[in-house]
């Protein structure tokens, strides 16, 4: 089977599980580069520290958001990859926080409607087979007066950088299942979310969003 497997726009859940299982041990370095060299740290802090109440962290990866979610009433985190969840469990242990970790697809969240006060996710919509469907699922499990907090990356607002992203987009997607030139706001619009606030850094590549379910 080829690197790009069957499913919406290429990768399906099974292919993503395998790819991110292979990346799990070194993924924290990817996050470190994004957060420090490319300036996503402030956006992540601005968004995630607004979490309140019972919180769900979707596609939690190795638990990069956990340190910013201390003090909430409860924290549940899901990811498609068992290897990522193992790393997240170790991180939660080092931080001394209690996290209910579950293996689960973002597009099929096994929770009743309106379960959580806050749903968070970071650097994820670029990999979901159907990002709008995943965001609608996150909105479904958010209480009507709750919030969704997101940090995402996409196509730069600087023309020459955007053109470079476009040229390498297919290769990058084949390697990592990541659509790094996505239009973040278009994805959020397709999901039908109500946008309360946004912030952007690093030549428009990274965007933080506070949204609500409609």
N, C-alpha and C. Protein backbone atom coordinates (compact mmCIF):
# COMPACT_ATOMS: atom_id res chain seq x y z
N UNK A 1 0.85 -1.20 0.00
CA UNK A 1 0.00 0.00 0.00
C UNK A 1 0.89 1.24 0.00
N UNK A 2 0.48 2.25 -0.73
CA UNK A 2 1.31 3.44 -0.86
C UNK A 2 1.27 4.29 0.39
N UNK A 3 2.19 5.30 0.43
CA UNK A 3 2.25 6.20 1.57
C UNK A 3 0.94 6.92 1.79
N UNK A 4 0.28 7.31 0.69
CA UNK A 4 -1.03 7.95 0.81
C UNK A 4 -2.08 6.87 0.60
N UNK A 5 -2.82 6.54 1.66
CA UNK A 5 -3.77 5.44 1.61
C UNK A 5 -5.18 5.96 1.41
N UNK A 6 -6.09 5.00 1.26
CA UNK A 6 -7.48 5.35 0.98
C UNK A 6 -8.07 6.16 2.11
N UNK A 7 -9.06 7.00 1.76
CA UNK A 7 -9.70 7.84 2.75
C UNK A 7 -9.90 9.23 2.19
N UNK A 8 -10.58 10.08 2.92
CA UNK A 8 -10.85 11.44 2.45
C UNK A 8 -9.53 12.19 2.25
N UNK A 9 -9.33 12.64 1.01
CA UNK A 9 -8.15 13.44 0.69
C UNK A 9 -6.85 12.70 0.93
N UNK A 10 -6.85 11.34 0.89
CA UNK A 10 -5.60 10.60 0.99
C UNK A 10 -5.52 9.69 2.19
N UNK A 11 -5.04 10.20 3.32
CA UNK A 11 -4.84 9.40 4.52
C UNK A 11 -6.17 9.10 5.20
N UNK A 12 -6.34 7.85 5.64
CA UNK A 12 -7.46 7.51 6.50
C UNK A 12 -6.94 7.34 7.93
N UNK A 13 -7.82 7.00 8.87
CA UNK A 13 -7.42 6.89 10.27
C UNK A 13 -6.34 5.82 10.48
N UNK A 14 -6.46 4.71 9.77
CA UNK A 14 -5.48 3.64 9.94
C UNK A 14 -4.08 4.09 9.51
N UNK A 15 -4.02 4.81 8.38
CA UNK A 15 -2.72 5.30 7.91
C UNK A 15 -2.14 6.33 8.87
N UNK A 16 -2.99 7.22 9.37
CA UNK A 16 -2.51 8.23 10.32
C UNK A 16 -2.03 7.58 11.61
N UNK A 17 -2.73 6.55 12.06
CA UNK A 17 -2.32 5.85 13.28
C UNK A 17 -0.91 5.29 13.12
N UNK A 18 -0.64 4.72 11.94
CA UNK A 18 0.68 4.15 11.69
C UNK A 18 1.75 5.24 11.61
N UNK A 19 1.47 6.31 10.86
CA UNK A 19 2.45 7.39 10.68
C UNK A 19 2.82 8.02 12.01
N UNK A 20 1.80 8.36 12.80
CA UNK A 20 2.09 9.04 14.06
C UNK A 20 2.57 8.09 15.15
N UNK A 21 2.30 6.81 14.97
CA UNK A 21 2.94 5.82 15.84
C UNK A 21 4.44 5.80 15.62
N UNK A 22 4.85 5.90 14.35
CA UNK A 22 6.28 5.94 14.03
C UNK A 22 6.94 7.23 14.52
N UNK A 23 6.18 8.33 14.55
CA UNK A 23 6.74 9.63 14.91
C UNK A 23 6.70 9.91 16.41
N UNK A 24 5.99 9.09 17.18
CA UNK A 24 5.67 9.44 18.57
C UNK A 24 6.90 9.74 19.41
N UNK A 25 7.94 8.93 19.28
CA UNK A 25 9.11 9.09 20.15
C UNK A 25 9.83 10.41 19.91
N UNK A 26 9.75 10.95 18.71
CA UNK A 26 10.47 12.19 18.39
C UNK A 26 9.54 13.38 18.19
N UNK A 27 8.25 13.19 18.38
CA UNK A 27 7.29 14.24 18.03
C UNK A 27 7.44 15.48 18.91
N UNK A 28 7.92 15.30 20.13
CA UNK A 28 8.07 16.47 21.00
C UNK A 28 9.06 17.49 20.41
N UNK A 29 10.01 17.01 19.58
CA UNK A 29 10.95 17.94 18.96
C UNK A 29 10.26 18.74 17.86
N UNK A 30 9.31 18.13 17.16
CA UNK A 30 8.51 18.86 16.17
C UNK A 30 7.74 19.98 16.87
N UNK A 31 7.13 19.64 18.00
CA UNK A 31 6.37 20.64 18.76
C UNK A 31 7.28 21.74 19.28
N UNK A 32 8.47 21.36 19.72
CA UNK A 32 9.41 22.35 20.23
C UNK A 32 9.81 23.34 19.15
N UNK A 33 10.04 22.86 17.94
CA UNK A 33 10.39 23.74 16.83
C UNK A 33 9.25 24.70 16.52
N UNK A 34 8.02 24.15 16.44
CA UNK A 34 6.87 25.01 16.17
C UNK A 34 6.68 26.06 17.25
N UNK A 35 6.82 25.63 18.51
CA UNK A 35 6.50 26.52 19.63
C UNK A 35 7.58 27.56 19.88
N UNK A 36 8.83 27.23 19.63
CA UNK A 36 9.91 28.16 19.96
C UNK A 36 10.42 28.89 18.71
N UNK A 37 10.95 28.16 17.75
CA UNK A 37 11.52 28.80 16.58
C UNK A 37 10.47 29.53 15.75
N UNK A 38 9.26 28.98 15.67
CA UNK A 38 8.23 29.57 14.82
C UNK A 38 7.16 30.32 15.60
N UNK A 39 7.37 30.50 16.88
CA UNK A 39 6.55 31.44 17.64
C UNK A 39 5.16 31.01 18.02
N UNK A 40 4.87 29.72 18.02
CA UNK A 40 3.52 29.29 18.37
C UNK A 40 3.28 29.26 19.88
N UNK A 41 4.34 29.40 20.69
CA UNK A 41 4.20 29.30 22.15
C UNK A 41 3.18 30.30 22.68
N UNK A 42 3.29 31.55 22.27
CA UNK A 42 2.39 32.58 22.80
C UNK A 42 0.95 32.32 22.38
N UNK A 43 0.76 31.85 21.15
CA UNK A 43 -0.58 31.54 20.69
C UNK A 43 -1.17 30.36 21.48
N UNK A 44 -0.37 29.35 21.69
CA UNK A 44 -0.84 28.19 22.46
C UNK A 44 -1.21 28.63 23.87
N UNK A 45 -0.36 29.45 24.49
CA UNK A 45 -0.66 29.91 25.85
C UNK A 45 -1.92 30.77 25.88
N UNK A 46 -2.04 31.69 24.93
CA UNK A 46 -3.22 32.56 24.88
C UNK A 46 -4.51 31.76 24.77
N UNK A 47 -4.50 30.75 23.92
CA UNK A 47 -5.71 29.96 23.70
C UNK A 47 -5.97 29.00 24.85
N UNK A 48 -5.00 28.18 25.19
CA UNK A 48 -5.26 27.07 26.10
C UNK A 48 -5.52 27.52 27.54
N UNK A 49 -4.95 28.63 27.95
CA UNK A 49 -5.17 29.08 29.32
C UNK A 49 -6.58 29.66 29.51
N UNK A 50 -7.35 29.74 28.45
CA UNK A 50 -8.75 30.14 28.56
C UNK A 50 -9.67 28.97 28.86
N UNK A 51 -9.13 27.77 28.91
CA UNK A 51 -9.95 26.58 29.18
C UNK A 51 -10.51 26.62 30.59
N UNK A 52 -11.76 26.22 30.73
CA UNK A 52 -12.43 26.19 32.03
C UNK A 52 -13.31 24.95 32.13
N UNK A 53 -13.55 24.53 33.37
CA UNK A 53 -14.50 23.46 33.64
C UNK A 53 -13.99 22.09 33.24
N UNK A 54 -14.87 21.29 32.66
CA UNK A 54 -14.52 19.95 32.19
C UNK A 54 -14.02 20.06 30.76
N UNK A 55 -12.77 19.63 30.53
CA UNK A 55 -12.06 19.92 29.29
C UNK A 55 -11.75 18.63 28.53
N UNK A 56 -11.92 18.68 27.21
CA UNK A 56 -11.50 17.62 26.31
C UNK A 56 -10.41 18.14 25.40
N UNK A 57 -9.25 17.47 25.38
CA UNK A 57 -8.16 17.81 24.48
C UNK A 57 -8.14 16.78 23.36
N UNK A 58 -8.46 17.20 22.15
CA UNK A 58 -8.63 16.29 21.01
C UNK A 58 -7.33 16.18 20.22
N UNK A 59 -7.01 14.92 19.82
CA UNK A 59 -5.75 14.66 19.11
C UNK A 59 -4.60 15.23 19.93
N UNK A 60 -4.52 14.79 21.17
CA UNK A 60 -3.60 15.38 22.15
C UNK A 60 -2.14 15.14 21.85
N UNK A 61 -1.84 14.19 20.95
CA UNK A 61 -0.44 13.91 20.65
C UNK A 61 0.31 13.46 21.89
N UNK A 62 1.46 14.07 22.14
CA UNK A 62 2.27 13.71 23.29
C UNK A 62 1.95 14.56 24.52
N UNK A 63 0.84 15.30 24.45
CA UNK A 63 0.40 16.07 25.62
C UNK A 63 0.97 17.47 25.70
N UNK A 64 1.21 18.08 24.55
CA UNK A 64 1.82 19.42 24.53
C UNK A 64 0.96 20.47 25.24
N UNK A 65 -0.35 20.27 25.25
CA UNK A 65 -1.23 21.26 25.88
C UNK A 65 -1.39 21.08 27.39
N UNK A 66 -0.98 19.94 27.92
CA UNK A 66 -1.33 19.59 29.30
C UNK A 66 -0.85 20.63 30.31
N UNK A 67 0.35 21.15 30.14
CA UNK A 67 0.89 22.08 31.14
C UNK A 67 0.08 23.36 31.22
N UNK A 68 -0.65 23.68 30.15
CA UNK A 68 -1.47 24.89 30.12
C UNK A 68 -2.90 24.64 30.56
N UNK A 69 -3.23 23.39 30.86
CA UNK A 69 -4.59 23.02 31.23
C UNK A 69 -4.70 22.62 32.69
N UNK A 70 -3.70 23.00 33.48
CA UNK A 70 -3.77 22.71 34.91
C UNK A 70 -4.87 23.55 35.54
N UNK A 71 -5.47 23.03 36.58
CA UNK A 71 -6.45 23.78 37.33
C UNK A 71 -7.87 23.69 36.80
N UNK A 72 -8.08 23.00 35.68
CA UNK A 72 -9.45 22.80 35.21
C UNK A 72 -10.13 21.73 36.07
N UNK A 73 -11.43 21.64 36.01
CA UNK A 73 -12.16 20.70 36.86
C UNK A 73 -11.82 19.26 36.53
N UNK A 74 -11.70 18.95 35.25
CA UNK A 74 -11.27 17.62 34.81
C UNK A 74 -10.69 17.74 33.42
N UNK A 75 -9.78 16.81 33.07
CA UNK A 75 -9.13 16.82 31.76
C UNK A 75 -9.21 15.43 31.16
N UNK A 76 -9.86 15.35 30.01
CA UNK A 76 -9.91 14.14 29.20
C UNK A 76 -9.15 14.42 27.92
N UNK A 77 -8.35 13.46 27.46
CA UNK A 77 -7.57 13.65 26.24
C UNK A 77 -7.68 12.42 25.37
N UNK A 78 -7.86 12.63 24.08
CA UNK A 78 -8.00 11.52 23.14
C UNK A 78 -7.00 11.67 22.01
N UNK A 79 -6.59 10.54 21.47
CA UNK A 79 -5.72 10.53 20.29
C UNK A 79 -5.93 9.22 19.56
N UNK A 80 -5.70 9.25 18.27
CA UNK A 80 -5.84 8.07 17.43
C UNK A 80 -4.72 7.07 17.65
N UNK A 81 -3.56 7.54 18.10
CA UNK A 81 -2.36 6.72 18.15
C UNK A 81 -2.05 6.23 19.57
N UNK A 82 -2.01 4.91 19.80
CA UNK A 82 -1.62 4.40 21.12
C UNK A 82 -0.20 4.83 21.51
N UNK A 83 0.68 4.95 20.54
CA UNK A 83 2.05 5.36 20.85
C UNK A 83 2.09 6.81 21.32
N UNK A 84 1.30 7.68 20.70
CA UNK A 84 1.20 9.06 21.16
C UNK A 84 0.61 9.12 22.57
N UNK A 85 -0.41 8.33 22.81
CA UNK A 85 -1.04 8.31 24.14
C UNK A 85 -0.05 7.84 25.21
N UNK A 86 0.81 6.90 24.87
CA UNK A 86 1.82 6.45 25.83
C UNK A 86 2.75 7.60 26.21
N UNK A 87 3.15 8.40 25.21
CA UNK A 87 3.99 9.56 25.49
C UNK A 87 3.22 10.60 26.32
N UNK A 88 1.94 10.79 25.99
CA UNK A 88 1.12 11.74 26.73
C UNK A 88 0.96 11.29 28.18
N UNK A 89 0.81 10.01 28.40
CA UNK A 89 0.68 9.49 29.77
C UNK A 89 1.93 9.78 30.59
N UNK A 90 3.09 9.59 29.95
CA UNK A 90 4.35 9.89 30.66
C UNK A 90 4.45 11.38 30.97
N UNK A 91 4.03 12.22 30.02
CA UNK A 91 4.10 13.66 30.26
C UNK A 91 3.16 14.06 31.41
N UNK A 92 1.96 13.53 31.43
CA UNK A 92 1.03 13.83 32.52
C UNK A 92 1.62 13.42 33.86
N UNK A 93 2.31 12.28 33.88
CA UNK A 93 2.95 11.84 35.11
C UNK A 93 4.03 12.79 35.57
N UNK A 94 4.84 13.27 34.62
CA UNK A 94 5.90 14.22 34.98
C UNK A 94 5.31 15.53 35.49
N UNK A 95 4.18 15.94 34.92
CA UNK A 95 3.54 17.18 35.34
C UNK A 95 2.72 17.02 36.63
N UNK A 96 2.47 15.78 37.00
CA UNK A 96 1.70 15.53 38.21
C UNK A 96 0.22 15.89 38.07
N UNK A 97 -0.34 15.70 36.87
CA UNK A 97 -1.75 16.00 36.67
C UNK A 97 -2.52 14.74 36.27
N UNK A 98 -3.79 14.73 36.61
CA UNK A 98 -4.65 13.58 36.33
C UNK A 98 -5.35 13.79 34.99
N UNK A 99 -5.09 12.90 34.04
CA UNK A 99 -5.70 13.00 32.72
C UNK A 99 -6.33 11.66 32.37
N UNK A 100 -7.58 11.69 31.94
CA UNK A 100 -8.27 10.49 31.44
C UNK A 100 -7.93 10.35 29.97
N UNK A 101 -7.04 9.43 29.64
CA UNK A 101 -6.54 9.26 28.27
C UNK A 101 -7.28 8.13 27.58
N UNK A 102 -7.75 8.40 26.35
CA UNK A 102 -8.52 7.41 25.61
C UNK A 102 -8.11 7.39 24.14
N UNK A 103 -8.06 6.19 23.56
CA UNK A 103 -7.79 6.06 22.13
C UNK A 103 -9.09 6.31 21.37
N UNK A 104 -9.07 7.30 20.46
CA UNK A 104 -10.32 7.69 19.82
C UNK A 104 -10.03 8.56 18.60
N UNK A 105 -10.84 8.41 17.57
CA UNK A 105 -10.74 9.26 16.39
C UNK A 105 -11.45 10.59 16.64
N UNK A 106 -10.85 11.67 16.18
CA UNK A 106 -11.48 12.99 16.32
C UNK A 106 -12.78 13.08 15.56
N UNK A 107 -12.94 12.25 14.54
CA UNK A 107 -14.15 12.29 13.73
C UNK A 107 -15.27 11.43 14.29
N UNK A 108 -14.98 10.66 15.34
CA UNK A 108 -16.00 9.83 15.98
C UNK A 108 -15.76 9.86 17.49
N UNK A 109 -16.10 10.97 18.11
CA UNK A 109 -15.88 11.14 19.54
C UNK A 109 -16.97 10.40 20.32
N UNK A 110 -16.55 9.49 21.15
CA UNK A 110 -17.49 8.62 21.86
C UNK A 110 -17.93 9.27 23.17
N UNK A 111 -18.59 10.43 23.04
CA UNK A 111 -19.13 11.15 24.20
C UNK A 111 -20.52 11.67 23.82
N UNK A 112 -21.41 11.80 24.81
CA UNK A 112 -22.73 12.38 24.52
C UNK A 112 -22.62 13.85 24.13
N UNK A 113 -23.66 14.34 23.51
CA UNK A 113 -23.73 15.76 23.16
C UNK A 113 -23.56 16.62 24.41
N UNK A 114 -22.82 17.73 24.25
CA UNK A 114 -22.71 18.70 25.32
C UNK A 114 -22.04 18.21 26.59
N UNK A 115 -21.04 17.34 26.45
CA UNK A 115 -20.37 16.77 27.62
C UNK A 115 -19.40 17.75 28.26
N UNK A 116 -18.71 18.58 27.47
CA UNK A 116 -17.57 19.35 27.97
C UNK A 116 -17.84 20.86 27.93
N UNK A 117 -17.24 21.54 28.91
CA UNK A 117 -17.29 23.01 28.92
C UNK A 117 -16.34 23.60 27.88
N UNK A 118 -15.19 22.94 27.69
CA UNK A 118 -14.17 23.43 26.76
C UNK A 118 -13.60 22.26 25.98
N UNK A 119 -13.43 22.45 24.69
CA UNK A 119 -12.73 21.48 23.85
C UNK A 119 -11.53 22.17 23.24
N UNK A 120 -10.36 21.55 23.34
CA UNK A 120 -9.12 22.13 22.83
C UNK A 120 -8.50 21.20 21.79
N UNK A 121 -7.74 21.80 20.89
CA UNK A 121 -6.96 21.01 19.95
C UNK A 121 -5.89 21.93 19.36
N UNK A 122 -4.73 21.36 19.00
CA UNK A 122 -3.63 22.17 18.49
C UNK A 122 -2.87 21.41 17.40
N UNK A 123 -2.65 22.08 16.29
CA UNK A 123 -1.86 21.56 15.16
C UNK A 123 -2.44 20.24 14.66
N UNK A 124 -3.76 20.20 14.48
CA UNK A 124 -4.42 18.93 14.17
C UNK A 124 -5.26 18.95 12.91
N UNK A 125 -5.96 20.04 12.61
CA UNK A 125 -6.89 20.00 11.49
C UNK A 125 -6.20 19.71 10.17
N UNK A 126 -4.91 20.00 10.10
CA UNK A 126 -4.15 19.74 8.88
C UNK A 126 -4.01 18.25 8.59
N UNK A 127 -4.23 17.41 9.61
CA UNK A 127 -4.05 15.97 9.42
C UNK A 127 -5.36 15.20 9.41
N UNK A 128 -6.45 15.77 9.93
CA UNK A 128 -7.70 15.03 9.96
C UNK A 128 -8.15 14.70 8.53
N UNK A 129 -8.58 13.46 8.27
CA UNK A 129 -9.08 13.13 6.92
C UNK A 129 -10.20 14.06 6.47
N UNK A 130 -11.09 14.43 7.39
CA UNK A 130 -12.15 15.39 7.09
C UNK A 130 -12.18 16.41 8.22
N UNK A 131 -11.40 17.49 8.12
CA UNK A 131 -11.27 18.40 9.25
C UNK A 131 -12.58 19.06 9.65
N UNK A 132 -13.44 19.41 8.69
CA UNK A 132 -14.71 20.03 9.05
C UNK A 132 -15.58 19.07 9.84
N UNK A 133 -15.57 17.79 9.46
CA UNK A 133 -16.35 16.79 10.21
C UNK A 133 -15.82 16.64 11.63
N UNK A 134 -14.49 16.65 11.77
CA UNK A 134 -13.90 16.54 13.11
C UNK A 134 -14.27 17.74 13.97
N UNK A 135 -14.24 18.93 13.40
CA UNK A 135 -14.60 20.13 14.15
C UNK A 135 -16.08 20.12 14.53
N UNK A 136 -16.92 19.60 13.64
CA UNK A 136 -18.34 19.48 14.00
C UNK A 136 -18.54 18.51 15.15
N UNK A 137 -17.75 17.45 15.18
CA UNK A 137 -17.81 16.52 16.32
C UNK A 137 -17.39 17.22 17.61
N UNK A 138 -16.32 18.02 17.54
CA UNK A 138 -15.89 18.76 18.72
C UNK A 138 -16.98 19.71 19.19
N UNK A 139 -17.64 20.38 18.25
CA UNK A 139 -18.73 21.28 18.61
C UNK A 139 -19.89 20.51 19.22
N UNK A 140 -20.15 19.33 18.72
CA UNK A 140 -21.26 18.52 19.24
C UNK A 140 -21.08 18.18 20.71
N UNK A 141 -19.84 17.85 21.11
CA UNK A 141 -19.62 17.43 22.50
C UNK A 141 -19.35 18.61 23.42
N UNK A 142 -19.35 19.83 22.85
CA UNK A 142 -19.20 21.05 23.65
C UNK A 142 -20.58 21.53 24.10
N UNK A 143 -20.68 21.97 25.33
CA UNK A 143 -21.94 22.51 25.81
C UNK A 143 -22.31 23.76 25.02
N UNK A 144 -23.62 24.05 24.89
CA UNK A 144 -24.04 25.19 24.07
C UNK A 144 -23.39 26.51 24.48
N UNK A 145 -23.09 26.68 25.77
CA UNK A 145 -22.44 27.91 26.23
C UNK A 145 -20.94 27.72 26.41
N UNK A 146 -20.40 26.60 25.89
CA UNK A 146 -18.97 26.32 26.02
C UNK A 146 -18.15 26.90 24.89
N UNK A 147 -16.85 26.57 24.89
CA UNK A 147 -15.94 27.14 23.89
C UNK A 147 -15.01 26.08 23.32
N UNK A 148 -14.60 26.31 22.10
CA UNK A 148 -13.56 25.53 21.45
C UNK A 148 -12.33 26.41 21.30
N UNK A 149 -11.19 25.90 21.73
CA UNK A 149 -9.93 26.63 21.68
C UNK A 149 -8.97 25.89 20.76
N UNK A 150 -8.52 26.56 19.73
CA UNK A 150 -7.70 25.91 18.70
C UNK A 150 -6.44 26.70 18.41
N UNK A 151 -5.36 25.99 18.11
CA UNK A 151 -4.15 26.58 17.55
C UNK A 151 -3.82 25.76 16.30
N UNK A 152 -3.79 26.43 15.16
CA UNK A 152 -3.60 25.71 13.90
C UNK A 152 -2.56 26.41 13.03
N UNK A 153 -2.10 25.70 12.01
CA UNK A 153 -1.18 26.33 11.06
C UNK A 153 -1.72 26.12 9.65
N UNK A 154 -1.36 27.06 8.77
CA UNK A 154 -1.85 26.97 7.40
C UNK A 154 -1.03 27.84 6.47
N UNK A 155 -1.65 28.21 5.37
CA UNK A 155 -0.96 28.96 4.32
C UNK A 155 -0.60 30.36 4.80
N UNK A 156 0.65 30.76 4.59
CA UNK A 156 1.15 32.05 5.05
C UNK A 156 0.46 33.20 4.34
N UNK A 157 0.41 34.36 5.02
CA UNK A 157 -0.10 35.57 4.38
C UNK A 157 1.00 36.28 3.59
N UNK A 158 2.25 35.81 3.72
CA UNK A 158 3.36 36.36 2.93
C UNK A 158 3.47 35.57 1.63
N UNK A 159 3.38 36.25 0.52
CA UNK A 159 3.20 35.60 -0.77
C UNK A 159 4.31 34.59 -1.09
N UNK A 160 5.58 34.99 -0.90
CA UNK A 160 6.66 34.07 -1.30
C UNK A 160 6.72 32.84 -0.42
N UNK A 161 6.36 32.99 0.85
CA UNK A 161 6.31 31.82 1.74
C UNK A 161 5.15 30.92 1.35
N UNK A 162 4.01 31.53 1.04
CA UNK A 162 2.85 30.75 0.62
C UNK A 162 3.15 29.96 -0.65
N UNK A 163 3.86 30.58 -1.59
CA UNK A 163 4.20 29.87 -2.83
C UNK A 163 5.13 28.69 -2.54
N UNK A 164 6.06 28.88 -1.61
CA UNK A 164 6.95 27.78 -1.23
C UNK A 164 6.16 26.64 -0.59
N UNK A 165 5.22 26.99 0.29
CA UNK A 165 4.37 25.96 0.88
C UNK A 165 3.60 25.21 -0.21
N UNK A 166 3.05 25.95 -1.15
CA UNK A 166 2.28 25.31 -2.22
C UNK A 166 3.13 24.35 -3.03
N UNK A 167 4.37 24.73 -3.32
CA UNK A 167 5.24 23.88 -4.14
C UNK A 167 5.56 22.58 -3.43
N UNK A 168 5.70 22.64 -2.13
CA UNK A 168 6.10 21.45 -1.38
C UNK A 168 4.92 20.74 -0.70
N UNK A 169 3.72 21.21 -0.96
CA UNK A 169 2.56 20.70 -0.23
C UNK A 169 2.32 19.21 -0.46
N UNK A 170 2.38 18.77 -1.71
CA UNK A 170 2.12 17.36 -2.00
C UNK A 170 3.16 16.46 -1.35
N UNK A 171 4.41 16.85 -1.46
CA UNK A 171 5.48 16.04 -0.85
C UNK A 171 5.33 15.98 0.66
N UNK A 172 5.03 17.13 1.27
CA UNK A 172 4.86 17.16 2.73
C UNK A 172 3.68 16.30 3.16
N UNK A 173 2.61 16.34 2.39
CA UNK A 173 1.44 15.53 2.73
C UNK A 173 1.76 14.04 2.62
N UNK A 174 2.48 13.64 1.58
CA UNK A 174 2.85 12.22 1.44
C UNK A 174 3.70 11.76 2.62
N UNK A 175 4.58 12.63 3.10
CA UNK A 175 5.51 12.25 4.17
C UNK A 175 4.83 12.19 5.54
N UNK A 176 3.94 13.15 5.82
CA UNK A 176 3.42 13.29 7.19
C UNK A 176 1.91 13.36 7.28
N UNK A 177 1.20 13.27 6.16
CA UNK A 177 -0.25 13.38 6.22
C UNK A 177 -0.72 14.75 6.66
N UNK A 178 0.09 15.78 6.40
CA UNK A 178 -0.18 17.14 6.89
C UNK A 178 -0.40 18.08 5.71
N UNK A 179 -1.55 18.75 5.69
CA UNK A 179 -1.84 19.76 4.66
C UNK A 179 -1.37 21.11 5.20
N UNK A 180 -0.11 21.43 4.99
CA UNK A 180 0.47 22.60 5.66
C UNK A 180 0.13 23.92 4.97
N UNK A 181 -0.55 23.87 3.83
CA UNK A 181 -0.99 25.10 3.18
C UNK A 181 -2.52 25.23 3.23
N UNK A 182 -3.14 24.60 4.22
CA UNK A 182 -4.59 24.70 4.34
C UNK A 182 -5.02 26.14 4.66
N UNK A 183 -6.26 26.47 4.33
CA UNK A 183 -6.86 27.74 4.71
C UNK A 183 -7.61 27.51 6.01
N UNK A 184 -7.01 27.88 7.12
CA UNK A 184 -7.56 27.57 8.44
C UNK A 184 -8.96 28.14 8.61
N UNK A 185 -9.15 29.39 8.25
CA UNK A 185 -10.45 30.03 8.46
C UNK A 185 -11.51 29.40 7.57
N UNK A 186 -11.14 28.95 6.39
CA UNK A 186 -12.10 28.27 5.52
C UNK A 186 -12.55 26.95 6.13
N UNK A 187 -11.61 26.24 6.75
CA UNK A 187 -11.96 24.98 7.42
C UNK A 187 -12.93 25.24 8.57
N UNK A 188 -12.65 26.27 9.36
CA UNK A 188 -13.54 26.60 10.47
C UNK A 188 -14.92 27.01 9.95
N UNK A 189 -14.93 27.74 8.85
CA UNK A 189 -16.20 28.14 8.27
C UNK A 189 -17.00 26.95 7.77
N UNK A 190 -16.32 25.99 7.15
CA UNK A 190 -17.00 24.80 6.66
C UNK A 190 -17.60 23.98 7.80
N UNK A 191 -16.99 24.08 8.98
CA UNK A 191 -17.49 23.35 10.15
C UNK A 191 -18.66 24.06 10.81
N UNK A 192 -18.91 25.32 10.42
CA UNK A 192 -20.04 26.05 10.97
C UNK A 192 -19.81 26.61 12.36
N UNK A 193 -18.55 26.80 12.76
CA UNK A 193 -18.28 27.34 14.08
C UNK A 193 -18.50 28.85 14.10
N UNK A 194 -18.85 29.36 15.27
CA UNK A 194 -18.96 30.80 15.46
C UNK A 194 -17.65 31.31 16.05
N UNK A 195 -16.96 32.18 15.35
CA UNK A 195 -15.65 32.65 15.77
C UNK A 195 -15.79 33.86 16.68
N UNK A 196 -15.23 33.75 17.89
CA UNK A 196 -15.25 34.87 18.83
C UNK A 196 -14.00 35.73 18.74
N UNK A 197 -12.83 35.09 18.56
CA UNK A 197 -11.57 35.84 18.53
C UNK A 197 -10.50 35.01 17.82
N UNK A 198 -9.54 35.72 17.20
CA UNK A 198 -8.41 35.05 16.56
C UNK A 198 -7.14 35.85 16.83
N UNK A 199 -6.02 35.15 16.81
CA UNK A 199 -4.71 35.79 16.84
C UNK A 199 -3.81 35.03 15.88
N UNK A 200 -2.91 35.77 15.22
CA UNK A 200 -2.02 35.16 14.24
C UNK A 200 -0.59 35.62 14.50
N UNK A 201 0.37 34.69 14.30
CA UNK A 201 1.79 35.01 14.44
C UNK A 201 2.56 34.33 13.31
N UNK A 202 3.86 34.65 13.27
CA UNK A 202 4.80 34.01 12.36
C UNK A 202 4.30 34.09 10.92
N UNK A 203 4.29 35.29 10.38
CA UNK A 203 3.92 35.59 9.01
C UNK A 203 2.62 34.90 8.59
N UNK A 204 1.71 34.82 9.55
CA UNK A 204 0.39 34.29 9.25
C UNK A 204 0.29 32.80 9.14
N UNK A 205 1.33 32.08 9.51
CA UNK A 205 1.29 30.62 9.43
C UNK A 205 0.47 30.04 10.58
N UNK A 206 0.67 30.55 11.81
CA UNK A 206 -0.01 30.00 12.98
C UNK A 206 -1.14 30.91 13.41
N UNK A 207 -2.28 30.31 13.71
CA UNK A 207 -3.48 31.05 14.10
C UNK A 207 -4.10 30.38 15.32
N UNK A 208 -4.44 31.18 16.32
CA UNK A 208 -5.18 30.71 17.49
C UNK A 208 -6.62 31.22 17.39
N UNK A 209 -7.57 30.40 17.79
CA UNK A 209 -8.97 30.72 17.60
C UNK A 209 -9.76 30.37 18.86
N UNK A 210 -10.63 31.28 19.25
CA UNK A 210 -11.66 30.99 20.25
C UNK A 210 -12.97 30.94 19.51
N UNK A 211 -13.66 29.80 19.59
CA UNK A 211 -14.89 29.60 18.83
C UNK A 211 -15.97 29.00 19.74
N UNK A 212 -17.19 29.03 19.23
CA UNK A 212 -18.32 28.45 19.95
C UNK A 212 -19.15 27.62 19.00
N UNK A 213 -19.82 26.59 19.51
CA UNK A 213 -20.76 25.85 18.66
C UNK A 213 -21.95 26.71 18.32
N UNK A 214 -22.51 26.56 17.15
CA UNK A 214 -23.70 27.34 16.76
C UNK A 214 -24.95 26.70 17.35
